[in-house]
Structure formats: structure tokens, C-alpha cells
All heavy atoms as atom14 arrays in JSON, in Angstrom:
{
  "sequence": "LKKIAPAEAERWLAEEAARAQRPVEELADRVIITRSTT",
  "atom14_mask": [
    [1, 1, 1, 1, 1, 1, 1, 1, 0, 0, 0, 0, 0, 0],
    [1, 1, 1, 1, 1, 1, 1, 1, 1, 0, 0, 0, 0, 0],
    [1, 1, 1, 1, 1, 1, 1, 1, 1, 0, 0, 0, 0, 0],
    [1, 1, 1, 1, 1, 1, 1, 1, 0, 0, 0, 0, 0, 0],
    [1, 1, 1, 1, 1, 0, 0, 0, 0, 0, 0, 0, 0, 0],
    [1, 1, 1, 1, 1, 1, 1, 0, 0, 0, 0, 0, 0, 0],
    [1, 1, 1, 1, 1, 0, 0, 0, 0, 0, 0, 0, 0, 0],
    [1, 1, 1, 1, 1, 1, 1, 1, 1, 0, 0, 0, 0, 0],
    [1, 1, 1, 1, 1, 0, 0, 0, 0, 0, 0, 0, 0, 0],
    [1, 1, 1, 1, 1, 1, 1, 1, 1, 0, 0, 0, 0, 0],
    [1, 1, 1, 1, 1, 1, 1, 1, 1, 1, 1, 0, 0, 0],
    [1, 1, 1, 1, 1, 1, 1, 1, 1, 1, 1, 1, 1, 1],
    [1, 1, 1, 1, 1, 1, 1, 1, 0, 0, 0, 0, 0, 0],
    [1, 1, 1, 1, 1, 0, 0, 0, 0, 0, 0, 0, 0, 0],
    [1, 1, 1, 1, 1, 1, 1, 1, 1, 0, 0, 0, 0, 0],
    [1, 1, 1, 1, 1, 1, 1, 1, 1, 0, 0, 0, 0, 0],
    [1, 1, 1, 1, 1, 0, 0, 0, 0, 0, 0, 0, 0, 0],
    [1, 1, 1, 1, 1, 0, 0, 0, 0, 0, 0, 0, 0, 0],
    [1, 1, 1, 1, 1, 1, 1, 1, 1, 1, 1, 0, 0, 0],
    [1, 1, 1, 1, 1, 0, 0, 0, 0, 0, 0, 0, 0, 0],
    [1, 1, 1, 1, 1, 1, 1, 1, 1, 0, 0, 0, 0, 0],
    [1, 1, 1, 1, 1, 1, 1, 1, 1, 1, 1, 0, 0, 0],
    [1, 1, 1, 1, 1, 1, 1, 0, 0, 0, 0, 0, 0, 0],
    [1, 1, 1, 1, 1, 1, 1, 0, 0, 0, 0, 0, 0, 0],
    [1, 1, 1, 1, 1, 1, 1, 1, 1, 0, 0, 0, 0, 0],
    [1, 1, 1, 1, 1, 1, 1, 1, 1, 0, 0, 0, 0, 0],
    [1, 1, 1, 1, 1, 1, 1, 1, 0, 0, 0, 0, 0, 0],
    [1, 1, 1, 1, 1, 0, 0, 0, 0, 0, 0, 0, 0, 0],
    [1, 1, 1, 1, 1, 1, 1, 1, 0, 0, 0, 0, 0, 0],
    [1, 1, 1, 1, 1, 1, 1, 1, 1, 1, 1, 0, 0, 0],
    [1, 1, 1, 1, 1, 1, 1, 0, 0, 0, 0, 0, 0, 0],
    [1, 1, 1, 1, 1, 1, 1, 1, 0, 0, 0, 0, 0, 0],
    [1, 1, 1, 1, 1, 1, 1, 1, 0, 0, 0, 0, 0, 0],
    [1, 1, 1, 1, 1, 1, 1, 0, 0, 0, 0, 0, 0, 0],
    [1, 1, 1, 1, 1, 1, 1, 1, 1, 1, 1, 0, 0, 0],
    [1, 1, 1, 1, 1, 1, 0, 0, 0, 0, 0, 0, 0, 0],
    [1, 1, 1, 1, 1, 1, 1, 0, 0, 0, 0, 0, 0, 0],
    [1, 1, 1, 1, 1, 1, 1, 0, 0, 0, 0, 0, 0, 0]
  ],
  "atom14_positions": [
    [[151.42, 266.99, -20.06], [150.49, 265.95, -20.49], [150.39, 264.8, -19.5], [149.33, 264.19, -19.35], [150.91, 265.43, -21.87], [150.75, 266.44, -23.02], [151.26, 265.86, -24.31], [149.29, 266.85, -23.17], [0.0, 0.0, 0.0], [0.0, 0.0, 0.0], [0.0, 0.0, 0.0], [0.0, 0.0, 0.0], [0.0, 0.0, 0.0], [0.0, 0.0, 0.0]],
    [[151.5, 264.5, -18.82], [151.44, 263.4, -17.86], [151.18, 263.9, -16.44], [151.14, 263.1, -15.5], [152.76, 262.61, -17.92], [153.0, 261.93, -19.28], [154.31, 261.17, -19.32], [154.23, 259.85, -18.56], [153.28, 258.9, -19.16], [0.0, 0.0, 0.0], [0.0, 0.0, 0.0], [0.0, 0.0, 0.0], [0.0, 0.0, 0.0], [0.0, 0.0, 0.0]],
    [[151.09, 265.24, -16.31], [150.82, 265.87, -15.02], [151.84, 265.43, -13.97], [151.49, 264.95, -12.87], [149.39, 265.56, -14.55], [148.31, 266.02, -15.51], [146.94, 265.84, -14.95], [145.86, 266.19, -15.96], [145.98, 267.56, -16.46], [0.0, 0.0, 0.0], [0.0, 0.0, 0.0], [0.0, 0.0, 0.0], [0.0, 0.0, 0.0], [0.0, 0.0, 0.0]],
    [[153.09, 265.58, -14.32], [154.19, 265.26, -13.4], [155.13, 266.45, -13.32], [155.06, 267.38, -14.14], [154.96, 264.0, -13.86], [155.49, 264.19, -15.29], [154.08, 262.76, -13.79], [156.3, 263.01, -15.82], [0.0, 0.0, 0.0], [0.0, 0.0, 0.0], [0.0, 0.0, 0.0], [0.0, 0.0, 0.0], [0.0, 0.0, 0.0], [0.0, 0.0, 0.0]],
    [[156.02, 266.42, -12.35], [156.98, 267.51, -12.16], [158.01, 267.49, -13.29], [158.3, 266.43, -13.86], [157.68, 267.37, -10.81], [0.0, 0.0, 0.0], [0.0, 0.0, 0.0], [0.0, 0.0, 0.0], [0.0, 0.0, 0.0], [0.0, 0.0, 0.0], [0.0, 0.0, 0.0], [0.0, 0.0, 0.0], [0.0, 0.0, 0.0], [0.0, 0.0, 0.0]],
    [[158.6, 268.66, -13.63], [159.62, 268.71, -14.68], [160.79, 267.76, -14.44], [161.27, 267.12, -15.39], [160.08, 270.18, -14.65], [158.88, 270.92, -14.15], [158.25, 270.01, -13.14], [0.0, 0.0, 0.0], [0.0, 0.0, 0.0], [0.0, 0.0, 0.0], [0.0, 0.0, 0.0], [0.0, 0.0, 0.0], [0.0, 0.0, 0.0], [0.0, 0.0, 0.0]],
    [[161.24, 267.64, -13.19], [162.35, 266.74, -12.9], [161.99, 265.3, -13.21], [162.8, 264.53, -13.76], [162.77, 266.87, -11.43], [0.0, 0.0, 0.0], [0.0, 0.0, 0.0], [0.0, 0.0, 0.0], [0.0, 0.0, 0.0], [0.0, 0.0, 0.0], [0.0, 0.0, 0.0], [0.0, 0.0, 0.0], [0.0, 0.0, 0.0], [0.0, 0.0, 0.0]],
    [[160.73, 264.92, -12.89], [160.27, 263.57, -13.18], [160.12, 263.36, -14.69], [160.43, 262.28, -15.22], [158.94, 263.31, -12.47], [158.48, 261.87, -12.55], [157.19, 261.64, -11.78], [156.78, 262.56, -11.04], [156.61, 260.53, -11.92], [0.0, 0.0, 0.0], [0.0, 0.0, 0.0], [0.0, 0.0, 0.0], [0.0, 0.0, 0.0], [0.0, 0.0, 0.0]],
    [[159.68, 264.41, -15.37], [159.53, 264.32, -16.82], [160.89, 264.16, -17.49], [161.04, 263.38, -18.44], [158.83, 265.58, -17.35], [0.0, 0.0, 0.0], [0.0, 0.0, 0.0], [0.0, 0.0, 0.0], [0.0, 0.0, 0.0], [0.0, 0.0, 0.0], [0.0, 0.0, 0.0], [0.0, 0.0, 0.0], [0.0, 0.0, 0.0], [0.0, 0.0, 0.0]],
    [[161.87, 264.87, -17.0], [163.22, 264.76, -17.55], [163.78, 263.36, -17.32], [164.41, 262.77, -18.21], [164.13, 265.81, -16.9], [165.53, 265.85, -17.5], [166.36, 267.0, -16.95], [165.82, 267.79, -16.14], [167.54, 267.09, -17.31], [0.0, 0.0, 0.0], [0.0, 0.0, 0.0], [0.0, 0.0, 0.0], [0.0, 0.0, 0.0], [0.0, 0.0, 0.0]],
    [[163.53, 262.84, -16.11], [163.99, 261.48, -15.81], [163.28, 260.46, -16.69], [163.88, 259.5, -17.18], [163.76, 261.18, -14.33], [164.31, 259.83, -13.89], [164.35, 259.71, -12.37], [163.04, 259.92, -11.76], [162.71, 261.03, -11.07], [163.59, 262.01, -10.92], [161.5, 261.16, -10.54], [0.0, 0.0, 0.0], [0.0, 0.0, 0.0], [0.0, 0.0, 0.0]],
    [[162.0, 260.7, -16.94], [161.23, 259.79, -17.78], [161.77, 259.76, -19.21], [161.92, 258.71, -19.82], [159.77, 260.22, -17.77], [158.86, 259.3, -18.53], [158.22, 258.2, -18.04], [158.48, 259.41, -19.9], [157.46, 257.59, -19.02], [157.62, 258.32, -20.18], [158.79, 260.31, -20.93], [157.06, 258.12, -21.44], [158.24, 260.1, -22.18], [157.39, 259.02, -22.43]],
    [[162.11, 260.95, -19.72], [162.68, 261.04, -21.07], [164.0, 260.26, -21.15], [164.25, 259.54, -22.11], [162.92, 262.5, -21.44], [161.71, 263.3, -21.92], [162.05, 264.78, -22.02], [161.23, 262.79, -23.27], [0.0, 0.0, 0.0], [0.0, 0.0, 0.0], [0.0, 0.0, 0.0], [0.0, 0.0, 0.0], [0.0, 0.0, 0.0], [0.0, 0.0, 0.0]],
    [[164.85, 260.43, -20.11], [166.14, 259.75, -20.1], [165.96, 258.23, -20.06], [166.66, 257.48, -20.76], [166.96, 260.21, -18.9], [0.0, 0.0, 0.0], [0.0, 0.0, 0.0], [0.0, 0.0, 0.0], [0.0, 0.0, 0.0], [0.0, 0.0, 0.0], [0.0, 0.0, 0.0], [0.0, 0.0, 0.0], [0.0, 0.0, 0.0], [0.0, 0.0, 0.0]],
    [[164.98, 257.77, -19.26], [164.73, 256.33, -19.15], [164.19, 255.76, -20.45], [164.59, 254.67, -20.89], [163.77, 256.06, -18.0], [164.37, 256.33, -16.62], [163.34, 256.24, -15.51], [162.13, 256.12, -15.84], [163.73, 256.31, -14.33], [0.0, 0.0, 0.0], [0.0, 0.0, 0.0], [0.0, 0.0, 0.0], [0.0, 0.0, 0.0], [0.0, 0.0, 0.0]],
    [[163.25, 256.5, -21.08], [162.69, 256.04, -22.34], [163.74, 255.99, -23.45], [163.78, 255.07, -24.27], [161.54, 256.94, -22.76], [160.3, 256.78, -21.92], [159.74, 255.37, -22.04], [159.46, 254.93, -23.17], [159.59, 254.7, -21.0], [0.0, 0.0, 0.0], [0.0, 0.0, 0.0], [0.0, 0.0, 0.0], [0.0, 0.0, 0.0], [0.0, 0.0, 0.0]],
    [[164.63, 256.99, -23.46], [165.69, 257.02, -24.46], [166.64, 255.85, -24.27], [167.07, 255.2, -25.22], [166.45, 258.34, -24.38], [0.0, 0.0, 0.0], [0.0, 0.0, 0.0], [0.0, 0.0, 0.0], [0.0, 0.0, 0.0], [0.0, 0.0, 0.0], [0.0, 0.0, 0.0], [0.0, 0.0, 0.0], [0.0, 0.0, 0.0], [0.0, 0.0, 0.0]],
    [[166.96, 255.55, -23.0], [167.85, 254.43, -22.71], [167.2, 253.11, -23.1], [167.85, 252.21, -23.66], [168.21, 254.42, -21.22], [0.0, 0.0, 0.0], [0.0, 0.0, 0.0], [0.0, 0.0, 0.0], [0.0, 0.0, 0.0], [0.0, 0.0, 0.0], [0.0, 0.0, 0.0], [0.0, 0.0, 0.0], [0.0, 0.0, 0.0], [0.0, 0.0, 0.0]],
    [[165.9, 253.01, -22.84], [165.19, 251.77, -23.17], [165.16, 251.57, -24.69], [165.27, 250.45, -25.18], [163.77, 251.83, -22.61], [162.98, 250.53, -22.81], [161.6, 250.61, -22.16], [161.72, 250.73, -20.7], [161.35, 251.78, -19.98], [160.84, 252.84, -20.6], [161.48, 251.81, -18.67], [0.0, 0.0, 0.0], [0.0, 0.0, 0.0], [0.0, 0.0, 0.0]],
    [[165.0, 252.66, -25.43], [164.95, 252.57, -26.89], [166.35, 252.58, -27.51], [166.48, 252.43, -28.72], [164.15, 253.74, -27.44], [0.0, 0.0, 0.0], [0.0, 0.0, 0.0], [0.0, 0.0, 0.0], [0.0, 0.0, 0.0], [0.0, 0.0, 0.0], [0.0, 0.0, 0.0], [0.0, 0.0, 0.0], [0.0, 0.0, 0.0], [0.0, 0.0, 0.0]],
    [[167.37, 252.78, -26.66], [168.77, 252.83, -27.13], [168.95, 253.92, -28.2], [169.53, 253.69, -29.26], [169.22, 251.47, -27.67], [169.24, 250.37, -26.6], [169.77, 249.05, -27.13], [169.81, 248.8, -28.33], [170.19, 248.2, -26.22], [0.0, 0.0, 0.0], [0.0, 0.0, 0.0], [0.0, 0.0, 0.0], [0.0, 0.0, 0.0], [0.0, 0.0, 0.0]],
    [[168.4, 255.07, -27.88], [168.53, 256.22, -28.76], [168.94, 257.44, -27.94], [168.68, 257.51, -26.74], [167.19, 256.48, -29.47], [166.8, 255.39, -30.45], [165.57, 255.75, -31.21], [165.21, 254.72, -32.17], [164.18, 254.79, -32.99], [163.38, 255.86, -32.94], [163.93, 253.82, -33.85], [0.0, 0.0, 0.0], [0.0, 0.0, 0.0], [0.0, 0.0, 0.0]],
    [[169.55, 258.44, -28.6], [169.92, 259.66, -27.88], [168.69, 260.35, -27.32], [167.63, 260.37, -27.96], [170.6, 260.52, -28.95], [171.01, 259.56, -30.02], [169.98, 258.48, -30.01], [0.0, 0.0, 0.0], [0.0, 0.0, 0.0], [0.0, 0.0, 0.0], [0.0, 0.0, 0.0], [0.0, 0.0, 0.0], [0.0, 0.0, 0.0], [0.0, 0.0, 0.0]],
    [[168.81, 260.92, -26.14], [167.68, 261.6, -25.53], [167.24, 262.79, -26.37], [166.06, 263.16, -26.39], [168.03, 262.04, -24.08], [169.06, 263.16, -24.07], [166.78, 262.46, -23.32], [0.0, 0.0, 0.0], [0.0, 0.0, 0.0], [0.0, 0.0, 0.0], [0.0, 0.0, 0.0], [0.0, 0.0, 0.0], [0.0, 0.0, 0.0], [0.0, 0.0, 0.0]],
    [[168.2, 263.4, -27.11], [167.85, 264.53, -27.98], [166.89, 264.08, -29.09], [165.98, 264.81, -29.48], [169.1, 265.16, -28.6], [170.0, 265.89, -27.63], [170.98, 264.95, -26.94], [170.9, 263.71, -27.2], [171.81, 265.44, -26.16], [0.0, 0.0, 0.0], [0.0, 0.0, 0.0], [0.0, 0.0, 0.0], [0.0, 0.0, 0.0], [0.0, 0.0, 0.0]],
    [[167.1, 262.87, -29.61], [166.23, 262.34, -30.65], [164.82, 262.11, -30.1], [163.82, 262.43, -30.76], [166.8, 261.04, -31.21], [165.95, 260.41, -32.31], [166.53, 259.11, -32.82], [167.77, 258.95, -32.77], [165.74, 258.26, -33.26], [0.0, 0.0, 0.0], [0.0, 0.0, 0.0], [0.0, 0.0, 0.0], [0.0, 0.0, 0.0], [0.0, 0.0, 0.0]],
    [[164.75, 261.58, -28.9], [163.45, 261.36, -28.27], [162.74, 262.68, -28.03], [161.53, 262.83, -28.28], [163.61, 260.6, -26.96], [162.34, 260.41, -26.12], [161.29, 259.65, -26.92], [162.67, 259.68, -24.83], [0.0, 0.0, 0.0], [0.0, 0.0, 0.0], [0.0, 0.0, 0.0], [0.0, 0.0, 0.0], [0.0, 0.0, 0.0], [0.0, 0.0, 0.0]],
    [[163.5, 263.68, -27.53], [162.91, 265.0, -27.28], [162.36, 265.6, -28.57], [161.27, 266.19, -28.59], [163.97, 265.93, -26.67], [0.0, 0.0, 0.0], [0.0, 0.0, 0.0], [0.0, 0.0, 0.0], [0.0, 0.0, 0.0], [0.0, 0.0, 0.0], [0.0, 0.0, 0.0], [0.0, 0.0, 0.0], [0.0, 0.0, 0.0], [0.0, 0.0, 0.0]],
    [[163.09, 265.42, -29.66], [162.65, 265.93, -30.96], [161.35, 265.25, -31.39], [160.42, 265.89, -31.89], [163.75, 265.7, -31.99], [163.48, 266.44, -33.29], [163.09, 267.62, -33.23], [163.65, 265.84, -34.37], [0.0, 0.0, 0.0], [0.0, 0.0, 0.0], [0.0, 0.0, 0.0], [0.0, 0.0, 0.0], [0.0, 0.0, 0.0], [0.0, 0.0, 0.0]],
    [[161.27, 263.94, -31.16], [160.05, 263.19, -31.5], [158.86, 263.65, -30.66], [157.73, 263.73, -31.15], [160.29, 261.69, -31.32], [161.18, 261.07, -32.39], [161.49, 259.62, -32.07], [162.28, 259.02, -33.11], [161.78, 258.41, -34.19], [160.48, 258.35, -34.36], [162.58, 257.88, -35.1], [0.0, 0.0, 0.0], [0.0, 0.0, 0.0], [0.0, 0.0, 0.0]],
    [[159.13, 263.95, -29.4], [158.05, 264.43, -28.52], [157.48, 265.73, -29.07], [156.26, 265.92, -29.17], [158.59, 264.66, -27.09], [157.59, 265.44, -26.26], [158.91, 263.33, -26.42], [0.0, 0.0, 0.0], [0.0, 0.0, 0.0], [0.0, 0.0, 0.0], [0.0, 0.0, 0.0], [0.0, 0.0, 0.0], [0.0, 0.0, 0.0], [0.0, 0.0, 0.0]],
    [[158.37, 266.64, -29.45], [157.93, 267.95, -29.94], [157.18, 267.81, -31.26], [156.11, 268.42, -31.45], [159.15, 268.88, -30.1], [159.78, 269.17, -28.73], [158.75, 270.19, -30.78], [161.13, 269.84, -28.79], [0.0, 0.0, 0.0], [0.0, 0.0, 0.0], [0.0, 0.0, 0.0], [0.0, 0.0, 0.0], [0.0, 0.0, 0.0], [0.0, 0.0, 0.0]],
    [[157.73, 266.99, -32.16], [157.07, 266.8, -33.46], [155.7, 266.15, -33.29], [154.7, 266.58, -33.88], [157.97, 265.94, -34.38], [159.23, 266.71, -34.77], [157.19, 265.53, -35.65], [160.23, 265.91, -35.55], [0.0, 0.0, 0.0], [0.0, 0.0, 0.0], [0.0, 0.0, 0.0], [0.0, 0.0, 0.0], [0.0, 0.0, 0.0], [0.0, 0.0, 0.0]],
    [[155.65, 265.12, -32.44], [154.38, 264.42, -32.22], [153.35, 265.34, -31.6], [152.18, 265.35, -31.98], [154.6, 263.2, -31.3], [155.57, 262.34, -31.9], [153.31, 262.43, -31.09], [0.0, 0.0, 0.0], [0.0, 0.0, 0.0], [0.0, 0.0, 0.0], [0.0, 0.0, 0.0], [0.0, 0.0, 0.0], [0.0, 0.0, 0.0], [0.0, 0.0, 0.0]],
    [[153.77, 266.14, -30.64], [152.85, 267.08, -29.99], [152.32, 268.1, -31.0], [151.13, 268.45, -31.0], [153.58, 267.8, -28.85], [152.78, 268.89, -28.17], [151.52, 268.34, -27.57], [150.85, 269.35, -26.76], [149.62, 269.24, -26.31], [148.92, 268.17, -26.6], [149.1, 270.18, -25.56], [0.0, 0.0, 0.0], [0.0, 0.0, 0.0], [0.0, 0.0, 0.0]],
    [[153.21, 268.55, -31.89], [152.82, 269.56, -32.88], [151.86, 269.0, -33.9], [150.89, 269.67, -34.3], [154.06, 270.11, -33.59], [154.93, 270.73, -32.67], [0.0, 0.0, 0.0], [0.0, 0.0, 0.0], [0.0, 0.0, 0.0], [0.0, 0.0, 0.0], [0.0, 0.0, 0.0], [0.0, 0.0, 0.0], [0.0, 0.0, 0.0], [0.0, 0.0, 0.0]],
    [[152.11, 267.76, -34.33], [151.29, 267.18, -35.41], [149.97, 266.62, -34.91], [149.01, 266.51, -35.65], [152.07, 266.07, -36.15], [152.48, 265.08, -35.2], [153.29, 266.65, -36.83], [0.0, 0.0, 0.0], [0.0, 0.0, 0.0], [0.0, 0.0, 0.0], [0.0, 0.0, 0.0], [0.0, 0.0, 0.0], [0.0, 0.0, 0.0], [0.0, 0.0, 0.0]],
    [[149.91, 266.22, -33.62], [148.67, 265.64, -33.1], [147.83, 266.64, -32.33], [146.71, 266.33, -31.96], [148.99, 264.46, -32.17], [149.79, 264.93, -31.07], [149.72, 263.36, -32.92], [0.0, 0.0, 0.0], [0.0, 0.0, 0.0], [0.0, 0.0, 0.0], [0.0, 0.0, 0.0], [0.0, 0.0, 0.0], [0.0, 0.0, 0.0], [0.0, 0.0, 0.0]]
  ]
}
């Protein structure tokens, strides 16, 4: 969706999780749920 490389996407997920102070697994789960529902 962001048209970036997988390594950059993984780094982006880690940074967003750190910024939100939540586990990266929780963020990944939200990404999948949001993608599925929208």
C-alpha cells in the first residue's frame, strides 16, 4: 500500500509501534484487521 520495500515496511511498523508504545505484534494485527475490514 505504501509502495516501499519489505525491509522498509518492517522498519516502519517497528517505529510506529515504538511511537505508540505498543507491541509490534499488536500493530501488525491492527494492520491486518484494518486491511480486511476496509
